[in-house]
Amino acid sequence: MENSKLPVFMMTIVAIIVGVALYKQFDFSTQTFANPALSAVYGITFLFAVFLLVRNYRKTARK
């Protein structure tokens, strides 16, 4: 039972850290990213982590 909570906790931490890093990379005055290649990697990782969290939430809501 505790094993199923560990990936959710880890993906939550990953999503928070990558989301903050992505936010810091964005320059609001020029509407661009400081490092576009790294920001793309951050964006893909953030979307993947959020996807896994939503999928797990929907799976547990069905039970």
PDB file of N, CA and C in Angstrom:
ATOM      1  N   MET A   1       0.813  -1.183   0.000  1.00  0.00           N
ATOM      2  CA  MET A   1       0.000   0.000   0.000  1.00  0.00           C
ATOM      3  C   MET A   1       0.866   1.261   0.000  1.00  0.00           C
ATOM      4  N   GLU A   2       1.921   1.265   0.773  1.00  0.00           N
ATOM      5  CA  GLU A   2       2.798   2.430   0.803  1.00  0.00           C
ATOM      6  C   GLU A   2       3.585   2.578  -0.491  1.00  0.00           C
ATOM      7  N   ASN A   3       3.806   1.477  -1.193  1.00  0.00           N
ATOM      8  CA  ASN A   3       4.543   1.558  -2.444  1.00  0.00           C
ATOM      9  C   ASN A   3       3.788   2.355  -3.498  1.00  0.00           C
ATOM     10  N   SER A   4       2.469   2.351  -3.458  1.00  0.00           N
ATOM     11  CA  SER A   4       1.710   3.095  -4.452  1.00  0.00           C
ATOM     12  C   SER A   4       1.739   4.596  -4.177  1.00  0.00           C
ATOM     13  N   LYS A   5       1.986   5.005  -2.956  1.00  0.00           N
ATOM     14  CA  LYS A   5       2.038   6.424  -2.621  1.00  0.00           C
ATOM     15  C   LYS A   5       3.388   7.048  -2.974  1.00  0.00           C
ATOM     16  N   LEU A   6       4.435   6.259  -3.037  1.00  0.00           N
ATOM     17  CA  LEU A   6       5.767   6.792  -3.300  1.00  0.00           C
ATOM     18  C   LEU A   6       5.904   7.423  -4.680  1.00  0.00           C
ATOM     19  N   PRO A   7       5.456   6.799  -5.762  1.00  0.00           N
ATOM     20  CA  PRO A   7       5.573   7.461  -7.080  1.00  0.00           C
ATOM     21  C   PRO A   7       4.759   8.757  -7.157  1.00  0.00           C
ATOM     22  N   VAL A   8       3.618   8.809  -6.504  1.00  0.00           N
ATOM     23  CA  VAL A   8       2.815  10.028  -6.518  1.00  0.00           C
ATOM     24  C   VAL A   8       3.560  11.143  -5.797  1.00  0.00           C
ATOM     25  N   PHE A   9       4.147  10.834  -4.672  1.00  0.00           N
ATOM     26  CA  PHE A   9       4.906  11.832  -3.922  1.00  0.00           C
ATOM     27  C   PHE A   9       6.117  12.304  -4.727  1.00  0.00           C
ATOM     28  N   MET A  10       6.824  11.375  -5.354  1.00  0.00           N
ATOM     29  CA  MET A  10       8.002  11.745  -6.143  1.00  0.00           C
ATOM     30  C   MET A  10       7.624  12.591  -7.354  1.00  0.00           C
ATOM     31  N   MET A  11       6.546  12.241  -8.046  1.00  0.00           N
ATOM     32  CA  MET A  11       6.131  13.021  -9.212  1.00  0.00           C
ATOM     33  C   MET A  11       5.631  14.402  -8.801  1.00  0.00           C
ATOM     34  N   THR A  12       5.040  14.504  -7.610  1.00  0.00           N
ATOM     35  CA  THR A  12       4.627  15.815  -7.106  1.00  0.00           C
ATOM     36  C   THR A  12       5.839  16.695  -6.857  1.00  0.00           C
ATOM     37  N   ILE A  13       6.865  16.147  -6.238  1.00  0.00           N
ATOM     38  CA  ILE A  13       8.094  16.896  -5.975  1.00  0.00           C
ATOM     39  C   ILE A  13       8.761  17.289  -7.291  1.00  0.00           C
ATOM     40  N   VAL A  14       8.816  16.367  -8.251  1.00  0.00           N
ATOM     41  CA  VAL A  14       9.424  16.655  -9.552  1.00  0.00           C
ATOM     42  C   VAL A  14       8.647  17.768 -10.263  1.00  0.00           C
ATOM     43  N   ALA A  15       7.321  17.689 -10.231  1.00  0.00           N
ATOM     44  CA  ALA A  15       6.505  18.708 -10.893  1.00  0.00           C
ATOM     45  C   ALA A  15       6.714  20.083 -10.258  1.00  0.00           C
ATOM     46  N   ILE A  16       6.825  20.142  -8.949  1.00  0.00           N
ATOM     47  CA  ILE A  16       7.035  21.425  -8.272  1.00  0.00           C
ATOM     48  C   ILE A  16       8.396  22.005  -8.621  1.00  0.00           C
ATOM     49  N   ILE A  17       9.430  21.196  -8.540  1.00  0.00           N
ATOM     50  CA  ILE A  17      10.790  21.675  -8.806  1.00  0.00           C
ATOM     51  C   ILE A  17      10.942  22.118 -10.255  1.00  0.00           C
ATOM     52  N   VAL A  18      10.473  21.312 -11.186  1.00  0.00           N
ATOM     53  CA  VAL A  18      10.612  21.646 -12.600  1.00  0.00           C
ATOM     54  C   VAL A  18       9.720  22.828 -12.963  1.00  0.00           C
ATOM     55  N   GLY A  19       8.546  22.904 -12.365  1.00  0.00           N
ATOM     56  CA  GLY A  19       7.664  24.037 -12.620  1.00  0.00           C
ATOM     57  C   GLY A  19       8.270  25.345 -12.161  1.00  0.00           C
ATOM     58  N   VAL A  20       8.898  25.344 -10.988  1.00  0.00           N
ATOM     59  CA  VAL A  20       9.563  26.554 -10.490  1.00  0.00           C
ATOM     60  C   VAL A  20      10.748  26.915 -11.379  1.00  0.00           C
ATOM     61  N   ALA A  21      11.515  25.929 -11.800  1.00  0.00           N
ATOM     62  CA  ALA A  21      12.654  26.198 -12.685  1.00  0.00           C
ATOM     63  C   ALA A  21      12.182  26.761 -14.022  1.00  0.00           C
ATOM     64  N   LEU A  22      11.089  26.224 -14.539  1.00  0.00           N
ATOM     65  CA  LEU A  22      10.534  26.730 -15.794  1.00  0.00           C
ATOM     66  C   LEU A  22      10.024  28.161 -15.624  1.00  0.00           C
ATOM     67  N   TYR A  23       9.421  28.448 -14.508  1.00  0.00           N
ATOM     68  CA  TYR A  23       8.941  29.798 -14.215  1.00  0.00           C
ATOM     69  C   TYR A  23      10.101  30.794 -14.129  1.00  0.00           C
ATOM     70  N   LYS A  24      11.214  30.364 -13.523  1.00  0.00           N
ATOM     71  CA  LYS A  24      12.374  31.241 -13.406  1.00  0.00           C
ATOM     72  C   LYS A  24      13.061  31.483 -14.751  1.00  0.00           C
ATOM     73  N   GLN A  25      12.953  30.548 -15.661  1.00  0.00           N
ATOM     74  CA  GLN A  25      13.561  30.694 -16.984  1.00  0.00           C
ATOM     75  C   GLN A  25      12.808  31.696 -17.856  1.00  0.00           C
ATOM     76  N   PHE A  26      11.540  31.944 -17.557  1.00  0.00           N
ATOM     77  CA  PHE A  26      10.707  32.789 -18.403  1.00  0.00           C
ATOM     78  C   PHE A  26      10.916  34.262 -18.071  1.00  0.00           C
ATOM     79  N   ASP A  27      11.144  35.076 -19.125  1.00  0.00           N
ATOM     80  CA  ASP A  27      11.298  36.520 -18.974  1.00  0.00           C
ATOM     81  C   ASP A  27       9.978  37.172 -19.378  1.00  0.00           C
ATOM     82  N   PHE A  28       9.281  37.745 -18.410  1.00  0.00           N
ATOM     83  CA  PHE A  28       7.952  38.287 -18.661  1.00  0.00           C
ATOM     84  C   PHE A  28       7.977  39.582 -19.464  1.00  0.00           C
ATOM     85  N   SER A  29       9.068  40.316 -19.406  1.00  0.00           N
ATOM     86  CA  SER A  29       9.113  41.579 -20.151  1.00  0.00           C
ATOM     87  C   SER A  29       9.217  41.353 -21.661  1.00  0.00           C
ATOM     88  N   THR A  30       9.958  40.313 -22.064  1.00  0.00           N
ATOM     89  CA  THR A  30      10.100  40.023 -23.495  1.00  0.00           C
ATOM     90  C   THR A  30       9.285  38.811 -23.944  1.00  0.00           C
ATOM     91  N   GLN A  31       8.624  38.126 -23.013  1.00  0.00           N
ATOM     92  CA  GLN A  31       7.810  36.945 -23.312  1.00  0.00           C
ATOM     93  C   GLN A  31       8.628  35.838 -23.981  1.00  0.00           C
ATOM     94  N   THR A  32       9.873  35.653 -23.540  1.00  0.00           N
ATOM     95  CA  THR A  32      10.733  34.598 -24.081  1.00  0.00           C
ATOM     96  C   THR A  32      11.388  33.846 -22.929  1.00  0.00           C
ATOM     97  N   PHE A  33      12.003  32.740 -23.284  1.00  0.00           N
ATOM     98  CA  PHE A  33      12.756  31.960 -22.307  1.00  0.00           C
ATOM     99  C   PHE A  33      14.230  32.314 -22.405  1.00  0.00           C
ATOM    100  N   ALA A  34      14.928  32.271 -21.280  1.00  0.00           N
ATOM    101  CA  ALA A  34      16.348  32.598 -21.257  1.00  0.00           C
ATOM    102  C   ALA A  34      17.149  31.554 -22.035  1.00  0.00           C
ATOM    103  N   ASN A  35      16.817  30.299 -21.853  1.00  0.00           N
ATOM    104  CA  ASN A  35      17.499  29.207 -22.545  1.00  0.00           C
ATOM    105  C   ASN A  35      16.420  28.300 -23.145  1.00  0.00           C
ATOM    106  N   PRO A  36      16.077  28.484 -24.419  1.00  0.00           N
ATOM    107  CA  PRO A  36      14.937  27.765 -25.001  1.00  0.00           C
ATOM    108  C   PRO A  36      15.079  26.240 -25.011  1.00  0.00           C
ATOM    109  N   ALA A  37      16.268  25.731 -25.236  1.00  0.00           N
ATOM    110  CA  ALA A  37      16.445  24.277 -25.284  1.00  0.00           C
ATOM    111  C   ALA A  37      16.216  23.654 -23.907  1.00  0.00           C
ATOM    112  N   LEU A  38      16.773  24.250 -22.894  1.00  0.00           N
ATOM    113  CA  LEU A  38      16.583  23.743 -21.538  1.00  0.00           C
ATOM    114  C   LEU A  38      15.133  23.911 -21.100  1.00  0.00           C
ATOM    115  N   SER A  39      14.512  24.988 -21.510  1.00  0.00           N
ATOM    116  CA  SER A  39      13.113  25.212 -21.174  1.00  0.00           C
ATOM    117  C   SER A  39      12.209  24.175 -21.832  1.00  0.00           C
ATOM    118  N   ALA A  40      12.563  23.733 -23.020  1.00  0.00           N
ATOM    119  CA  ALA A  40      11.791  22.681 -23.687  1.00  0.00           C
ATOM    120  C   ALA A  40      11.873  21.374 -22.906  1.00  0.00           C
ATOM    121  N   VAL A  41      13.049  21.052 -22.415  1.00  0.00           N
ATOM    122  CA  VAL A  41      13.219  19.839 -21.604  1.00  0.00           C
ATOM    123  C   VAL A  41      12.431  19.962 -20.310  1.00  0.00           C
ATOM    124  N   TYR A  42      12.500  21.133 -19.668  1.00  0.00           N
ATOM    125  CA  TYR A  42      11.724  21.378 -18.454  1.00  0.00           C
ATOM    126  C   TYR A  42      10.231  21.249 -18.731  1.00  0.00           C
ATOM    127  N   GLY A  43       9.782  21.796 -19.848  1.00  0.00           N
ATOM    128  CA  GLY A  43       8.364  21.744 -20.184  1.00  0.00           C
ATOM    129  C   GLY A  43       7.873  20.332 -20.413  1.00  0.00           C
ATOM    130  N   ILE A  44       8.646  19.541 -21.137  1.00  0.00           N
ATOM    131  CA  ILE A  44       8.269  18.155 -21.401  1.00  0.00           C
ATOM    132  C   ILE A  44       8.229  17.364 -20.098  1.00  0.00           C
ATOM    133  N   THR A  45       9.223  17.559 -19.247  1.00  0.00           N
ATOM    134  CA  THR A  45       9.263  16.861 -17.964  1.00  0.00           C
ATOM    135  C   THR A  45       8.097  17.275 -17.078  1.00  0.00           C
ATOM    136  N   PHE A  46       7.786  18.568 -17.058  1.00  0.00           N
ATOM    137  CA  PHE A  46       6.668  19.055 -16.258  1.00  0.00           C
ATOM    138  C   PHE A  46       5.349  18.471 -16.746  1.00  0.00           C
ATOM    139  N   LEU A  47       5.122  18.469 -18.052  1.00  0.00           N
ATOM    140  CA  LEU A  47       3.890  17.911 -18.591  1.00  0.00           C
ATOM    141  C   LEU A  47       3.772  16.418 -18.327  1.00  0.00           C
ATOM    142  N   PHE A  48       4.880  15.680 -18.409  1.00  0.00           N
ATOM    143  CA  PHE A  48       4.867  14.248 -18.128  1.00  0.00           C
ATOM    144  C   PHE A  48       4.525  13.984 -16.659  1.00  0.00           C
ATOM    145  N   ALA A  49       5.111  14.767 -15.747  1.00  0.00           N
ATOM    146  CA  ALA A  49       4.834  14.586 -14.321  1.00  0.00           C
ATOM    147  C   ALA A  49       3.369  14.901 -14.016  1.00  0.00           C
ATOM    148  N   VAL A  50       2.844  15.959 -14.599  1.00  0.00           N
ATOM    149  CA  VAL A  50       1.442  16.316 -14.378  1.00  0.00           C
ATOM    150  C   VAL A  50       0.520  15.257 -14.986  1.00  0.00           C
ATOM    151  N   PHE A  51       0.883  14.738 -16.151  1.00  0.00           N
ATOM    152  CA  PHE A  51       0.100  13.677 -16.771  1.00  0.00           C
ATOM    153  C   PHE A  51       0.020  12.450 -15.862  1.00  0.00           C
ATOM    154  N   LEU A  52       1.145  12.042 -15.293  1.00  0.00           N
ATOM    155  CA  LEU A  52       1.142  10.884 -14.400  1.00  0.00           C
ATOM    156  C   LEU A  52       0.314  11.144 -13.144  1.00  0.00           C
ATOM    157  N   LEU A  53       0.393  12.359 -12.624  1.00  0.00           N
ATOM    158  CA  LEU A  53      -0.398  12.683 -11.437  1.00  0.00           C
ATOM    159  C   LEU A  53      -1.890  12.666 -11.738  1.00  0.00           C
ATOM    160  N   VAL A  54      -2.286  13.211 -12.870  1.00  0.00           N
ATOM    161  CA  VAL A  54      -3.703  13.223 -13.239  1.00  0.00           C
ATOM    162  C   VAL A  54      -4.195  11.812 -13.507  1.00  0.00           C
ATOM    163  N   ARG A  55      -3.389  11.019 -14.189  1.00  0.00           N
ATOM    164  CA  ARG A  55      -3.782   9.642 -14.479  1.00  0.00           C
ATOM    165  C   ARG A  55      -3.957   8.837 -13.188  1.00  0.00           C
ATOM    166  N   ASN A  56      -3.059   9.027 -12.230  1.00  0.00           N
ATOM    167  CA  ASN A  56      -3.172   8.317 -10.959  1.00  0.00           C
ATOM    168  C   ASN A  56      -4.381   8.814 -10.169  1.00  0.00           C
ATOM    169  N   TYR A  57      -4.650  10.116 -10.220  1.00  0.00           N
ATOM    170  CA  TYR A  57      -5.802  10.663  -9.513  1.00  0.00           C
ATOM    171  C   TYR A  57      -7.109  10.099 -10.082  1.00  0.00           C
ATOM    172  N   ARG A  58      -7.192  10.020 -11.399  1.00  0.00           N
ATOM    173  CA  ARG A  58      -8.395   9.487 -12.033  1.00  0.00           C
ATOM    174  C   ARG A  58      -8.571   7.999 -11.719  1.00  0.00           C
ATOM    175  N   LYS A  59      -7.448   7.279 -11.634  1.00  0.00           N
ATOM    176  CA  LYS A  59      -7.514   5.844 -11.342  1.00  0.00           C
ATOM    177  C   LYS A  59      -7.996   5.614  -9.909  1.00  0.00           C
ATOM    178  N   THR A  60      -7.518   6.418  -8.958  1.00  0.00           N
ATOM    179  CA  THR A  60      -7.932   6.240  -7.574  1.00  0.00           C
ATOM    180  C   THR A  60      -9.356   6.759  -7.353  1.00  0.00           C
ATOM    181  N   ALA A  61      -9.802   7.726  -8.150  1.00  0.00           N
ATOM    182  CA  ALA A  61     -11.162   8.240  -7.997  1.00  0.00           C
ATOM    183  C   ALA A  61     -12.195   7.217  -8.444  1.00  0.00           C
ATOM    184  N   ARG A  62     -11.836   6.337  -9.348  1.00  0.00           N
ATOM    185  CA  ARG A  62     -12.760   5.292  -9.817  1.00  0.00           C
ATOM    186  C   ARG A  62     -13.006   4.234  -8.763  1.00  0.00           C
ATOM    187  N   LYS A  63     -12.040   4.009  -7.893  1.00  0.00           N
ATOM    188  CA  LYS A  63     -12.154   2.928  -6.898  1.00  0.00           C
ATOM    189  C   LYS A  63     -13.124   3.252  -5.817  1.00  0.00           C
TER     190      LYS A  63
END
